[in-house]
Amino acid sequence: MIERPIIALDFATKSEIQTFLNKFPTDESLFVKVGMEIFYQEGPAIVRWLKEKGHDIFLDLKLHDIPNTVQRSMKGLAKMGVSITTVQAAGGFEMMQQAKEGLKEGTMETKNVPQVIAVTQLTSTSQEQMQKEQLVQATLEESVLHYAKSAQKAGLDGVVCSAWEAQKIHEITTKEFMCLSPGIRPQGSTTDDQKRVVTPYKARELGANAIVVGRPITLADDPYEVYQMIKTDWRNKNK
């Protein structure tokens, strides 16, 4: 269980991230998501900079390519010392296996191997979209569960999924198999482009092991106050 909400640093530049982080106490160790937008602008340097500030990194690049390319790429990413990274489950069983192998090969003996989790179906995707645009005739839930089981067999540490699917994923895998859930919205906030959203407390109740929160924090007038509110809601088991 990751007790801190992971903050999605969905900004375009390092200076924007610096401005955002200046609103937090300097000694606050955060768990942050570095996604494609900022990584493609700033490269590995943004990861090194954030680690130097004492933050843990979820590097969300959603690798999806032939197994050999993903294996070699993960070997390089492992050297950055990130805590978690991602692949697309749609890349297939062998690709997911090779992703894990690449991380093992690229990790120094004294360091922990980064966790790798698979993206099942995006929380912005509805069942109608999946069936019409991907030509997947299974239900959304069936698709997610199939991907989750395949990821576990391939040796991955978990999946990215909606909190609504977490309980059933744990039933077919294990309680320790990570269900990392985006689409988190505090009570009363807008859903934006997300389709399957839940509150932080509800996500934990449904079985999520970790949550990722972006705009409710990054666009807030007082992001630290909202972060603390979300963290309290996420941790409160007896609400």
C-alpha atoms as a PDB file:
ATOM      1  CA  MET A   1       0.000   0.000   0.000  1.00  0.00           C
ATOM      2  CA  ILE A   2       1.364   3.412  -0.968  1.00  0.00           C
ATOM      3  CA  GLU A   3       0.117   5.718   1.781  1.00  0.00           C
ATOM      4  CA  ARG A   4       0.856   8.972  -0.044  1.00  0.00           C
ATOM      5  CA  PRO A   5      -1.321  10.030  -2.985  1.00  0.00           C
ATOM      6  CA  ILE A   6       0.873  10.134  -6.095  1.00  0.00           C
ATOM      7  CA  ILE A   7       0.747  13.618  -7.608  1.00  0.00           C
ATOM      8  CA  ALA A   8       0.624  13.701 -11.405  1.00  0.00           C
ATOM      9  CA  LEU A   9       3.072  16.411 -12.506  1.00  0.00           C
ATOM     10  CA  ASP A  10       1.300  16.998 -15.800  1.00  0.00           C
ATOM     11  CA  PHE A  11       3.163  20.169 -16.699  1.00  0.00           C
ATOM     12  CA  ALA A  12       4.979  21.163 -19.866  1.00  0.00           C
ATOM     13  CA  THR A  13       8.168  22.598 -18.356  1.00  0.00           C
ATOM     14  CA  LYS A  14      10.508  22.230 -15.404  1.00  0.00           C
ATOM     15  CA  SER A  15       9.839  25.831 -14.384  1.00  0.00           C
ATOM     16  CA  GLU A  16       6.113  25.084 -14.074  1.00  0.00           C
ATOM     17  CA  ILE A  17       6.912  22.134 -11.827  1.00  0.00           C
ATOM     18  CA  GLN A  18       9.246  24.295  -9.740  1.00  0.00           C
ATOM     19  CA  THR A  19       6.512  26.910  -9.297  1.00  0.00           C
ATOM     20  CA  PHE A  20       4.094  24.189  -8.235  1.00  0.00           C
ATOM     21  CA  LEU A  21       6.522  22.528  -5.792  1.00  0.00           C
ATOM     22  CA  ASN A  22       7.322  25.906  -4.215  1.00  0.00           C
ATOM     23  CA  LYS A  23       3.803  25.786  -2.752  1.00  0.00           C
ATOM     24  CA  PHE A  24       4.782  22.735  -0.659  1.00  0.00           C
ATOM     25  CA  PRO A  25       7.061  22.623   2.401  1.00  0.00           C
ATOM     26  CA  THR A  26      10.635  22.149   1.249  1.00  0.00           C
ATOM     27  CA  ASP A  27      11.088  19.111   3.500  1.00  0.00           C
ATOM     28  CA  GLU A  28       7.926  17.365   2.246  1.00  0.00           C
ATOM     29  CA  SER A  29       8.857  14.127   0.473  1.00  0.00           C
ATOM     30  CA  LEU A  30       6.303  13.544  -2.263  1.00  0.00           C
ATOM     31  CA  PHE A  31       5.508  10.638  -4.554  1.00  0.00           C
ATOM     32  CA  VAL A  32       5.145  12.170  -8.021  1.00  0.00           C
ATOM     33  CA  LYS A  33       4.219  10.928 -11.472  1.00  0.00           C
ATOM     34  CA  VAL A  34       6.391  11.957 -14.391  1.00  0.00           C
ATOM     35  CA  GLY A  35       4.429  11.357 -17.566  1.00  0.00           C
ATOM     36  CA  MET A  36       5.047  11.649 -21.280  1.00  0.00           C
ATOM     37  CA  GLU A  37       4.359  15.381 -21.529  1.00  0.00           C
ATOM     38  CA  ILE A  38       7.178  16.523 -19.247  1.00  0.00           C
ATOM     39  CA  PHE A  39       9.544  13.621 -19.978  1.00  0.00           C
ATOM     40  CA  TYR A  40       9.492  14.321 -23.710  1.00  0.00           C
ATOM     41  CA  GLN A  41      10.310  17.973 -23.015  1.00  0.00           C
ATOM     42  CA  GLU A  42      12.945  17.600 -20.305  1.00  0.00           C
ATOM     43  CA  GLY A  43      14.170  13.998 -20.618  1.00  0.00           C
ATOM     44  CA  PRO A  44      15.877  11.971 -17.853  1.00  0.00           C
ATOM     45  CA  ALA A  45      17.179  15.190 -16.282  1.00  0.00           C
ATOM     46  CA  ILE A  46      13.747  15.921 -14.820  1.00  0.00           C
ATOM     47  CA  VAL A  47      13.790  12.575 -13.013  1.00  0.00           C
ATOM     48  CA  ARG A  48      17.268  13.197 -11.597  1.00  0.00           C
ATOM     49  CA  TRP A  49      16.256  16.699 -10.460  1.00  0.00           C
ATOM     50  CA  LEU A  50      13.141  15.467  -8.672  1.00  0.00           C
ATOM     51  CA  LYS A  51      15.060  12.649  -6.984  1.00  0.00           C
ATOM     52  CA  GLU A  52      17.677  15.133  -5.776  1.00  0.00           C
ATOM     53  CA  LYS A  53      14.830  16.992  -4.077  1.00  0.00           C
ATOM     54  CA  GLY A  54      13.929  13.818  -2.188  1.00  0.00           C
ATOM     55  CA  HIS A  55      10.845  12.758  -4.127  1.00  0.00           C
ATOM     56  CA  ASP A  56       9.884   9.235  -5.223  1.00  0.00           C
ATOM     57  CA  ILE A  57       9.124   8.800  -8.918  1.00  0.00           C
ATOM     58  CA  PHE A  58       6.394   6.992 -10.802  1.00  0.00           C
ATOM     59  CA  LEU A  59       7.647   7.168 -14.405  1.00  0.00           C
ATOM     60  CA  ASP A  60       4.558   6.682 -16.534  1.00  0.00           C
ATOM     61  CA  LEU A  61       5.707   6.242 -20.140  1.00  0.00           C
ATOM     62  CA  LYS A  62       3.409   3.314 -21.015  1.00  0.00           C
ATOM     63  CA  LEU A  63       5.935   1.440 -23.154  1.00  0.00           C
ATOM     64  CA  HIS A  64       4.380  -0.538 -26.007  1.00  0.00           C
ATOM     65  CA  ASP A  65       6.664  -2.060 -28.635  1.00  0.00           C
ATOM     66  CA  ILE A  66       8.238  -5.348 -29.628  1.00  0.00           C
ATOM     67  CA  PRO A  67       9.627  -7.313 -26.655  1.00  0.00           C
ATOM     68  CA  ASN A  68      13.294  -6.679 -27.447  1.00  0.00           C
ATOM     69  CA  THR A  69      12.840  -2.914 -27.725  1.00  0.00           C
ATOM     70  CA  VAL A  70      10.902  -2.749 -24.458  1.00  0.00           C
ATOM     71  CA  GLN A  71      13.487  -4.910 -22.676  1.00  0.00           C
ATOM     72  CA  ARG A  72      16.363  -2.671 -23.773  1.00  0.00           C
ATOM     73  CA  SER A  73      14.432   0.477 -22.952  1.00  0.00           C
ATOM     74  CA  MET A  74      13.575  -0.758 -19.460  1.00  0.00           C
ATOM     75  CA  LYS A  75      17.225  -1.641 -18.866  1.00  0.00           C
ATOM     76  CA  GLY A  76      18.027   2.029 -19.433  1.00  0.00           C
ATOM     77  CA  LEU A  77      15.118   3.345 -17.379  1.00  0.00           C
ATOM     78  CA  ALA A  78      16.171   1.210 -14.408  1.00  0.00           C
ATOM     79  CA  LYS A  79      19.362   3.241 -14.099  1.00  0.00           C
ATOM     80  CA  MET A  80      17.296   6.333 -13.222  1.00  0.00           C
ATOM     81  CA  GLY A  81      16.268   4.874  -9.891  1.00  0.00           C
ATOM     82  CA  VAL A  82      12.524   5.307 -10.328  1.00  0.00           C
ATOM     83  CA  SER A  83      10.145   3.440  -8.018  1.00  0.00           C
ATOM     84  CA  ILE A  84       7.448   2.452 -10.519  1.00  0.00           C
ATOM     85  CA  THR A  85       7.122   2.457 -14.300  1.00  0.00           C
ATOM     86  CA  THR A  86       4.536   1.272 -16.828  1.00  0.00           C
ATOM     87  CA  VAL A  87       3.883  -0.710 -19.981  1.00  0.00           C
ATOM     88  CA  GLN A  88       0.731  -1.209 -22.023  1.00  0.00           C
ATOM     89  CA  ALA A  89      -0.840  -4.591 -21.281  1.00  0.00           C
ATOM     90  CA  ALA A  90      -1.993  -4.674 -24.908  1.00  0.00           C
ATOM     91  CA  GLY A  91       1.665  -5.216 -25.875  1.00  0.00           C
ATOM     92  CA  GLY A  92       1.276  -8.838 -24.890  1.00  0.00           C
ATOM     93  CA  PHE A  93       2.585 -11.439 -22.470  1.00  0.00           C
ATOM     94  CA  GLU A  94       6.132 -11.716 -23.846  1.00  0.00           C
ATOM     95  CA  MET A  95       6.569  -7.958 -23.978  1.00  0.00           C
ATOM     96  CA  MET A  96       5.541  -7.657 -20.323  1.00  0.00           C
ATOM     97  CA  GLN A  97       7.947 -10.440 -19.343  1.00  0.00           C
ATOM     98  CA  GLN A  98      10.806  -8.715 -21.142  1.00  0.00           C
ATOM     99  CA  ALA A  99       9.953  -5.392 -19.500  1.00  0.00           C
ATOM    100  CA  LYS A 100      10.535  -6.944 -16.082  1.00  0.00           C
ATOM    101  CA  GLU A 101      13.727  -8.643 -17.241  1.00  0.00           C
ATOM    102  CA  GLY A 102      15.072  -5.360 -18.571  1.00  0.00           C
ATOM    103  CA  LEU A 103      14.484  -3.660 -15.235  1.00  0.00           C
ATOM    104  CA  LYS A 104      16.285  -6.458 -13.396  1.00  0.00           C
ATOM    105  CA  GLU A 105      19.259  -6.273 -15.749  1.00  0.00           C
ATOM    106  CA  GLY A 106      19.512  -2.493 -15.472  1.00  0.00           C
ATOM    107  CA  THR A 107      19.307  -2.270 -11.678  1.00  0.00           C
ATOM    108  CA  MET A 108      22.500  -2.103  -9.629  1.00  0.00           C
ATOM    109  CA  GLU A 109      22.942  -4.875  -7.056  1.00  0.00           C
ATOM    110  CA  THR A 110      22.578  -2.487  -4.112  1.00  0.00           C
ATOM    111  CA  LYS A 111      19.304  -1.000  -5.408  1.00  0.00           C
ATOM    112  CA  ASN A 112      15.725  -2.226  -5.500  1.00  0.00           C
ATOM    113  CA  VAL A 113      14.330  -3.275  -8.866  1.00  0.00           C
ATOM    114  CA  PRO A 114      11.653  -0.758  -9.908  1.00  0.00           C
ATOM    115  CA  GLN A 115       8.116  -2.062  -9.923  1.00  0.00           C
ATOM    116  CA  VAL A 116       6.509  -2.334 -13.342  1.00  0.00           C
ATOM    117  CA  ILE A 117       2.767  -2.244 -13.780  1.00  0.00           C
ATOM    118  CA  ALA A 118       0.583  -2.636 -16.847  1.00  0.00           C
ATOM    119  CA  VAL A 119      -2.007  -0.185 -18.127  1.00  0.00           C
ATOM    120  CA  THR A 120      -5.249  -2.105 -18.709  1.00  0.00           C
ATOM    121  CA  GLN A 121      -7.953   0.227 -20.036  1.00  0.00           C
ATOM    122  CA  LEU A 122      -7.589   3.966 -19.493  1.00  0.00           C
ATOM    123  CA  THR A 123     -10.019   5.523 -17.026  1.00  0.00           C
ATOM    124  CA  SER A 124     -10.983   7.936 -19.813  1.00  0.00           C
ATOM    125  CA  THR A 125     -12.227   4.976 -21.904  1.00  0.00           C
ATOM    126  CA  SER A 126     -15.849   3.888 -21.775  1.00  0.00           C
ATOM    127  CA  GLN A 127     -17.080   0.414 -22.697  1.00  0.00           C
ATOM    128  CA  GLU A 128     -18.756   1.823 -25.811  1.00  0.00           C
ATOM    129  CA  GLN A 129     -15.484   3.410 -26.958  1.00  0.00           C
ATOM    130  CA  MET A 130     -13.525   0.222 -26.294  1.00  0.00           C
ATOM    131  CA  GLN A 131     -15.913  -1.932 -28.277  1.00  0.00           C
ATOM    132  CA  LYS A 132     -16.343   0.516 -31.158  1.00  0.00           C
ATOM    133  CA  GLU A 133     -12.810   1.871 -31.505  1.00  0.00           C
ATOM    134  CA  GLN A 134     -10.694  -1.097 -30.349  1.00  0.00           C
ATOM    135  CA  LEU A 135     -13.079  -3.771 -31.680  1.00  0.00           C
ATOM    136  CA  VAL A 136     -12.880  -5.518 -28.309  1.00  0.00           C
ATOM    137  CA  GLN A 137     -16.241  -7.222 -27.909  1.00  0.00           C
ATOM    138  CA  ALA A 138     -15.742  -8.229 -24.289  1.00  0.00           C
ATOM    139  CA  THR A 139     -17.138  -6.015 -21.561  1.00  0.00           C
ATOM    140  CA  LEU A 140     -14.834  -3.365 -20.128  1.00  0.00           C
ATOM    141  CA  GLU A 141     -14.531  -5.340 -16.915  1.00  0.00           C
ATOM    142  CA  GLU A 142     -13.721  -8.574 -18.750  1.00  0.00           C
ATOM    143  CA  SER A 143     -11.001  -6.815 -20.730  1.00  0.00           C
ATOM    144  CA  VAL A 144      -9.431  -5.307 -17.604  1.00  0.00           C
ATOM    145  CA  LEU A 145      -9.492  -8.611 -15.708  1.00  0.00           C
ATOM    146  CA  HIS A 146      -7.975 -10.463 -18.654  1.00  0.00           C
ATOM    147  CA  TYR A 147      -5.127  -7.962 -18.893  1.00  0.00           C
ATOM    148  CA  ALA A 148      -4.560  -8.070 -15.133  1.00  0.00           C
ATOM    149  CA  LYS A 149      -4.288 -11.853 -15.042  1.00  0.00           C
ATOM    150  CA  SER A 150      -1.900 -11.826 -17.995  1.00  0.00           C
ATOM    151  CA  ALA A 151       0.257  -9.163 -16.305  1.00  0.00           C
ATOM    152  CA  GLN A 152       0.490 -11.223 -13.135  1.00  0.00           C
ATOM    153  CA  LYS A 153       1.499 -14.352 -15.069  1.00  0.00           C
ATOM    154  CA  ALA A 154       4.165 -12.305 -16.845  1.00  0.00           C
ATOM    155  CA  GLY A 155       5.701 -11.401 -13.470  1.00  0.00           C
ATOM    156  CA  LEU A 156       4.582  -7.787 -13.284  1.00  0.00           C
ATOM    157  CA  ASP A 157       3.884  -6.107  -9.959  1.00  0.00           C
ATOM    158  CA  GLY A 158       0.416  -4.806 -10.723  1.00  0.00           C
ATOM    159  CA  VAL A 159      -1.785  -2.817 -13.053  1.00  0.00           C
ATOM    160  CA  VAL A 160      -3.139   0.653 -13.607  1.00  0.00           C
ATOM    161  CA  CYS A 161      -6.895   0.381 -13.358  1.00  0.00           C
ATOM    162  CA  SER A 162     -10.016   2.124 -12.174  1.00  0.00           C
ATOM    163  CA  ALA A 163     -10.673   1.582  -8.483  1.00  0.00           C
ATOM    164  CA  TRP A 164     -13.991   0.062  -9.541  1.00  0.00           C
ATOM    165  CA  GLU A 165     -12.099  -2.966 -10.861  1.00  0.00           C
ATOM    166  CA  ALA A 166      -9.622  -3.362  -7.982  1.00  0.00           C
ATOM    167  CA  GLN A 167     -11.543  -5.840  -5.847  1.00  0.00           C
ATOM    168  CA  LYS A 168     -12.135  -8.302  -8.671  1.00  0.00           C
ATOM    169  CA  ILE A 169      -8.529  -7.970  -9.798  1.00  0.00           C
ATOM    170  CA  HIS A 170      -7.364  -8.911  -6.302  1.00  0.00           C
ATOM    171  CA  GLU A 171      -9.733 -11.890  -6.345  1.00  0.00           C
ATOM    172  CA  ILE A 172      -8.105 -13.344  -9.467  1.00  0.00           C
ATOM    173  CA  THR A 173      -4.527 -12.352  -8.521  1.00  0.00           C
ATOM    174  CA  THR A 174      -3.440 -11.546  -4.942  1.00  0.00           C
ATOM    175  CA  LYS A 175      -4.035  -8.794  -2.391  1.00  0.00           C
ATOM    176  CA  GLU A 176      -0.421  -7.714  -2.879  1.00  0.00           C
ATOM    177  CA  PHE A 177      -0.804  -7.324  -6.661  1.00  0.00           C
ATOM    178  CA  MET A 178      -0.837  -3.553  -7.040  1.00  0.00           C
ATOM    179  CA  CYS A 179      -3.959  -1.803  -8.277  1.00  0.00           C
ATOM    180  CA  LEU A 180      -2.856   1.757  -8.928  1.00  0.00           C
ATOM    181  CA  SER A 181      -5.873   3.925  -9.651  1.00  0.00           C
ATOM    182  CA  PRO A 182      -6.090   7.264 -11.452  1.00  0.00           C
ATOM    183  CA  GLY A 183      -9.432   8.986 -11.985  1.00  0.00           C
ATOM    184  CA  ILE A 184      -9.495  10.176  -8.369  1.00  0.00           C
ATOM    185  CA  ARG A 185     -11.688  13.151  -7.594  1.00  0.00           C
ATOM    186  CA  PRO A 186     -12.491  14.643  -4.172  1.00  0.00           C
ATOM    187  CA  GLN A 187     -16.164  14.921  -3.307  1.00  0.00           C
ATOM    188  CA  GLY A 188     -17.798  17.729  -5.288  1.00  0.00           C
ATOM    189  CA  SER A 189     -15.009  18.270  -7.834  1.00  0.00           C
ATOM    190  CA  THR A 190     -15.405  18.065 -11.624  1.00  0.00           C
ATOM    191  CA  THR A 191     -14.675  14.823 -13.485  1.00  0.00           C
ATOM    192  CA  ASP A 192     -12.934  16.589 -16.434  1.00  0.00           C
ATOM    193  CA  ASP A 193     -12.293  13.991 -19.192  1.00  0.00           C
ATOM    194  CA  GLN A 194     -12.377  11.022 -16.824  1.00  0.00           C
ATOM    195  CA  LYS A 195     -15.252   8.542 -17.136  1.00  0.00           C
ATOM    196  CA  ARG A 196     -14.794   6.176 -14.167  1.00  0.00           C
ATOM    197  CA  VAL A 197     -14.020   8.351 -11.149  1.00  0.00           C
ATOM    198  CA  VAL A 198     -14.078   7.787  -7.378  1.00  0.00           C
ATOM    199  CA  THR A 199     -13.184   9.703  -4.215  1.00  0.00           C
ATOM    200  CA  PRO A 200      -9.920   8.848  -2.430  1.00  0.00           C
ATOM    201  CA  TYR A 201     -11.770   7.111   0.412  1.00  0.00           C
ATOM    202  CA  LYS A 202     -13.949   5.127  -1.981  1.00  0.00           C
ATOM    203  CA  ALA A 203     -10.856   4.029  -3.920  1.00  0.00           C
ATOM    204  CA  ARG A 204      -9.347   2.542  -0.774  1.00  0.00           C
ATOM    205  CA  GLU A 205     -12.665   0.949   0.167  1.00  0.00           C
ATOM    206  CA  LEU A 206     -12.801  -0.678  -3.279  1.00  0.00           C
ATOM    207  CA  GLY A 207      -9.327  -2.167  -2.874  1.00  0.00           C
ATOM    208  CA  ALA A 208      -6.942   0.232  -4.627  1.00  0.00           C
ATOM    209  CA  ASN A 209      -3.336  -0.019  -3.374  1.00  0.00           C
ATOM    210  CA  ALA A 210      -2.307   3.397  -4.638  1.00  0.00           C
ATOM    211  CA  ILE A 211      -3.947   6.471  -6.171  1.00  0.00           C
ATOM    212  CA  VAL A 212      -2.788   9.074  -8.674  1.00  0.00           C
ATOM    213  CA  VAL A 213      -4.238  12.570  -8.477  1.00  0.00           C
ATOM    214  CA  GLY A 214      -3.534  15.339 -10.968  1.00  0.00           C
ATOM    215  CA  ARG A 215      -5.718  18.348 -11.696  1.00  0.00           C
ATOM    216  CA  PRO A 216      -7.608  18.489  -8.371  1.00  0.00           C
ATOM    217  CA  ILE A 217      -4.193  19.221  -6.795  1.00  0.00           C
ATOM    218  CA  THR A 218      -2.192  20.877  -9.569  1.00  0.00           C
ATOM    219  CA  LEU A 219      -4.924  23.378 -10.482  1.00  0.00           C
ATOM    220  CA  ALA A 220      -5.919  24.207  -6.901  1.00  0.00           C
ATOM    221  CA  ASP A 221      -5.343  27.673  -5.453  1.00  0.00           C
ATOM    222  CA  ASP A 222      -3.711  25.996  -2.454  1.00  0.00           C
ATOM    223  CA  PRO A 223      -2.408  22.647  -3.744  1.00  0.00           C
ATOM    224  CA  TYR A 224      -0.784  21.674  -0.440  1.00  0.00           C
ATOM    225  CA  GLU A 225      -4.066  22.071   1.425  1.00  0.00           C
ATOM    226  CA  VAL A 226      -5.885  19.947  -1.175  1.00  0.00           C
ATOM    227  CA  TYR A 227      -3.085  17.378  -1.106  1.00  0.00           C
ATOM    228  CA  GLN A 228      -3.377  17.055   2.673  1.00  0.00           C
ATOM    229  CA  MET A 229      -7.157  16.723   2.410  1.00  0.00           C
ATOM    230  CA  ILE A 230      -6.852  13.978  -0.206  1.00  0.00           C
ATOM    231  CA  LYS A 231      -4.145  12.191   1.804  1.00  0.00           C
ATOM    232  CA  THR A 232      -6.362  12.232   4.918  1.00  0.00           C
ATOM    233  CA  ASP A 233      -9.335  10.920   2.942  1.00  0.00           C
ATOM    234  CA  TRP A 234      -7.195   8.203   1.341  1.00  0.00           C
ATOM    235  CA  ARG A 235      -5.757   7.026   4.668  1.00  0.00           C
ATOM    236  CA  ASN A 236      -9.020   7.105   6.642  1.00  0.00           C
ATOM    237  CA  LYS A 237     -10.125   3.473   6.836  1.00  0.00           C
ATOM    238  CA  ASN A 238     -12.770   4.035   9.490  1.00  0.00           C
ATOM    239  CA  LYS A 239     -14.625   6.964   7.976  1.00  0.00           C
END
